[in-house]
Protein backbone atom coordinates (compact mmCIF):
# COMPACT_ATOMS: atom_id res chain seq x y z
CA MET A 1 9.11 5.12 15.72
CA THR A 2 10.69 3.24 12.54
CA ARG A 3 10.02 3.24 9.00
CA SER A 4 6.71 1.59 7.67
CA VAL A 5 5.73 0.68 4.07
CA GLY A 6 2.12 1.00 2.81
CA VAL A 7 0.98 -0.97 -0.43
CA ASP A 8 -2.25 -0.72 -2.45
CA LEU A 9 -2.55 -3.95 -4.32
CA GLY A 10 -3.96 -3.00 -7.39
CA ALA A 11 -4.78 -5.30 -10.48
CA ARG A 12 -2.07 -3.83 -12.60
CA ARG A 13 0.21 -2.07 -10.29
CA ILE A 14 0.98 -2.02 -6.52
CA GLY A 15 0.96 1.35 -5.10
CA VAL A 16 3.84 2.00 -2.67
CA ALA A 17 4.25 4.63 0.17
CA VAL A 18 6.98 4.94 2.67
CA SER A 19 7.06 6.84 5.98
CA ASP A 20 9.75 9.08 7.13
CA ALA A 21 12.21 8.04 9.81
CA THR A 22 9.92 9.58 12.52
CA GLY A 23 6.89 7.65 11.45
CA SER A 24 4.87 10.84 11.11
CA MET A 25 4.70 11.30 7.24
CA ALA A 26 3.96 9.18 4.31
CA PHE A 27 5.69 9.57 0.95
CA PRO A 28 4.82 7.92 -2.37
CA ARG A 29 7.29 5.73 -4.26
CA PRO A 30 7.13 4.48 -7.76
CA PRO A 31 4.56 1.59 -8.17
CA ILE A 32 5.62 -1.93 -8.71
CA ALA A 33 4.11 -3.44 -11.92
CA ARG A 34 2.29 -6.65 -11.23
CA HIS A 35 3.76 -9.91 -12.45
CA ALA A 36 1.72 -13.12 -13.56
CA GLU A 37 3.36 -14.69 -10.40
CA ARG A 38 2.25 -13.07 -7.14
CA GLY A 39 5.50 -14.23 -5.62
CA LEU A 40 7.56 -11.96 -7.68
CA ASP A 41 5.42 -9.06 -6.30
CA HIS A 42 5.70 -10.08 -2.91
CA ARG A 43 9.48 -10.11 -3.24
CA ALA A 44 9.53 -6.80 -4.79
CA ILE A 45 7.57 -5.40 -1.69
CA ALA A 46 10.16 -7.34 0.58
CA GLU A 47 13.02 -5.51 -1.17
CA VAL A 48 11.44 -2.09 -0.52
CA ALA A 49 10.98 -3.08 3.02
CA ALA A 50 14.52 -4.18 3.53
CA GLU A 51 16.00 -1.34 1.65
CA LEU A 52 14.20 1.22 4.33
CA GLY A 53 14.78 -1.20 7.33
CA ALA A 54 11.07 -1.11 7.77
CA GLU A 55 9.42 -3.01 10.45
CA VAL A 56 5.85 -2.96 9.18
CA VAL A 57 4.23 -3.37 5.87
CA VAL A 58 0.63 -1.85 5.95
CA VAL A 59 -1.58 -3.55 3.25
CA GLY A 60 -4.67 -1.81 2.13
CA LEU A 61 -7.88 -3.87 2.87
CA PRO A 62 -10.61 -2.91 0.53
CA LEU A 63 -13.83 -3.27 2.62
CA SER A 64 -17.34 -2.85 1.11
CA LEU A 65 -18.83 0.43 2.15
CA ASP A 66 -20.78 -1.48 4.98
CA GLY A 67 -17.54 -2.75 6.20
CA SER A 68 -17.98 -6.28 5.06
CA ARG A 69 -15.27 -8.22 3.28
CA GLY A 70 -16.11 -9.06 -0.31
CA PRO A 71 -14.23 -10.82 -3.02
CA ALA A 72 -11.50 -8.17 -3.27
CA ALA A 73 -10.87 -7.93 0.63
CA ARG A 74 -10.74 -11.86 0.59
CA SER A 75 -8.15 -11.69 -2.25
CA VAL A 76 -6.18 -9.00 -0.38
CA GLU A 77 -6.18 -11.20 2.80
CA GLU A 78 -4.76 -14.12 1.01
CA GLU A 79 -2.02 -11.87 -0.35
CA ALA A 80 -1.24 -10.33 3.03
CA ALA A 81 -0.95 -13.97 4.45
CA ALA A 82 1.53 -14.78 1.84
CA LEU A 83 3.57 -11.59 2.68
CA THR A 84 3.27 -12.37 6.20
CA THR A 85 5.05 -15.73 5.77
CA LEU A 86 7.69 -14.06 3.58
CA LEU A 87 8.31 -11.00 5.74
CA GLY A 88 7.65 -12.65 9.11
CA ALA A 89 10.93 -14.72 8.52
CA ARG A 90 12.66 -11.23 8.04
CA GLY A 91 11.24 -9.75 11.28
CA VAL A 92 8.82 -7.44 9.37
CA ARG A 93 5.14 -7.66 10.36
CA VAL A 94 2.16 -7.26 7.86
CA GLU A 95 -0.84 -5.38 9.03
CA THR A 96 -3.98 -4.77 7.00
CA TYR A 97 -5.88 -1.49 7.24
CA ASP A 98 -9.14 -0.22 5.66
CA GLU A 99 -8.52 1.63 2.52
CA ARG A 100 -12.05 2.78 1.70
CA PHE A 101 -11.89 5.87 -0.23
CA THR A 102 -8.21 6.15 -0.50
CA THR A 103 -8.28 5.94 -4.21
CA VAL A 104 -11.06 8.51 -4.47
CA THR A 105 -8.97 10.88 -2.03
CA ALA A 106 -5.84 10.29 -4.15
CA GLU A 107 -7.74 10.91 -7.46
CA SER A 108 -9.29 14.18 -5.99
CA ALA A 109 -5.80 15.43 -4.70
CA LEU A 110 -4.07 14.67 -8.02
CA ALA A 111 -6.85 16.46 -10.04
CA SER A 112 -6.64 19.39 -7.48
CA ALA A 113 -2.79 19.57 -8.11
CA GLY A 114 -3.50 19.94 -12.05
CA VAL A 115 -2.41 16.43 -12.70
CA GLY A 116 -4.28 15.52 -15.93
CA GLY A 117 -5.91 12.06 -16.59
CA ARG A 118 -3.09 10.43 -18.52
CA GLN A 119 -0.65 11.34 -16.24
CA ARG A 120 -2.97 10.76 -13.10
CA ARG A 121 -3.40 6.90 -13.96
CA PRO A 122 0.06 5.87 -13.32
CA ARG A 123 0.42 7.82 -10.05
CA VAL A 124 -2.97 7.08 -8.38
CA ASP A 125 -1.88 3.74 -7.12
CA SER A 126 1.07 5.15 -5.00
CA ALA A 127 -1.08 8.31 -4.21
CA ALA A 128 -3.62 6.05 -2.66
CA ALA A 129 -1.02 4.01 -0.98
CA THR A 130 0.23 7.31 0.56
CA VAL A 131 -3.28 8.17 1.72
CA LEU A 132 -3.73 4.78 3.21
CA LEU A 133 -0.20 5.03 5.09
CA GLN A 134 -0.73 8.49 6.22
CA SER A 135 -4.09 7.47 7.77
CA TRP A 136 -2.53 4.43 9.48
CA LEU A 137 0.22 6.54 10.80
CA ASP A 138 -2.18 9.20 12.17
CA SER A 139 -4.25 6.40 13.97
CA ARG A 140 -1.20 5.35 15.92
């Protein structure tokens, strides 16, 4: 298996996680600060994928608790489509994956590790991306 990148498209930051070379473990990377222009965000994600030689970028899809697609999920699907256009030209595929409870799981794990509230906020996005990517890797 090859490397993968997981992203959690937050409003202020994009959480980023990467897999190891065997595709069995996910690790957090520093988050990407959002820009006013989404194209800059997408290029930053593409740079991470290129740096790692990733073949897939997994985008967290924020489905509603009942599994339906609300406004947040539709917004992420639009971004995923734009990423597909950008990354597909580079031979990288984009997949969406259910991210329900990833932020809650990440918050809980950080709190259990003794990371305080002020320190937790900037870390939670990449921690959520790590939970997302690990779940995706485990499902394969």
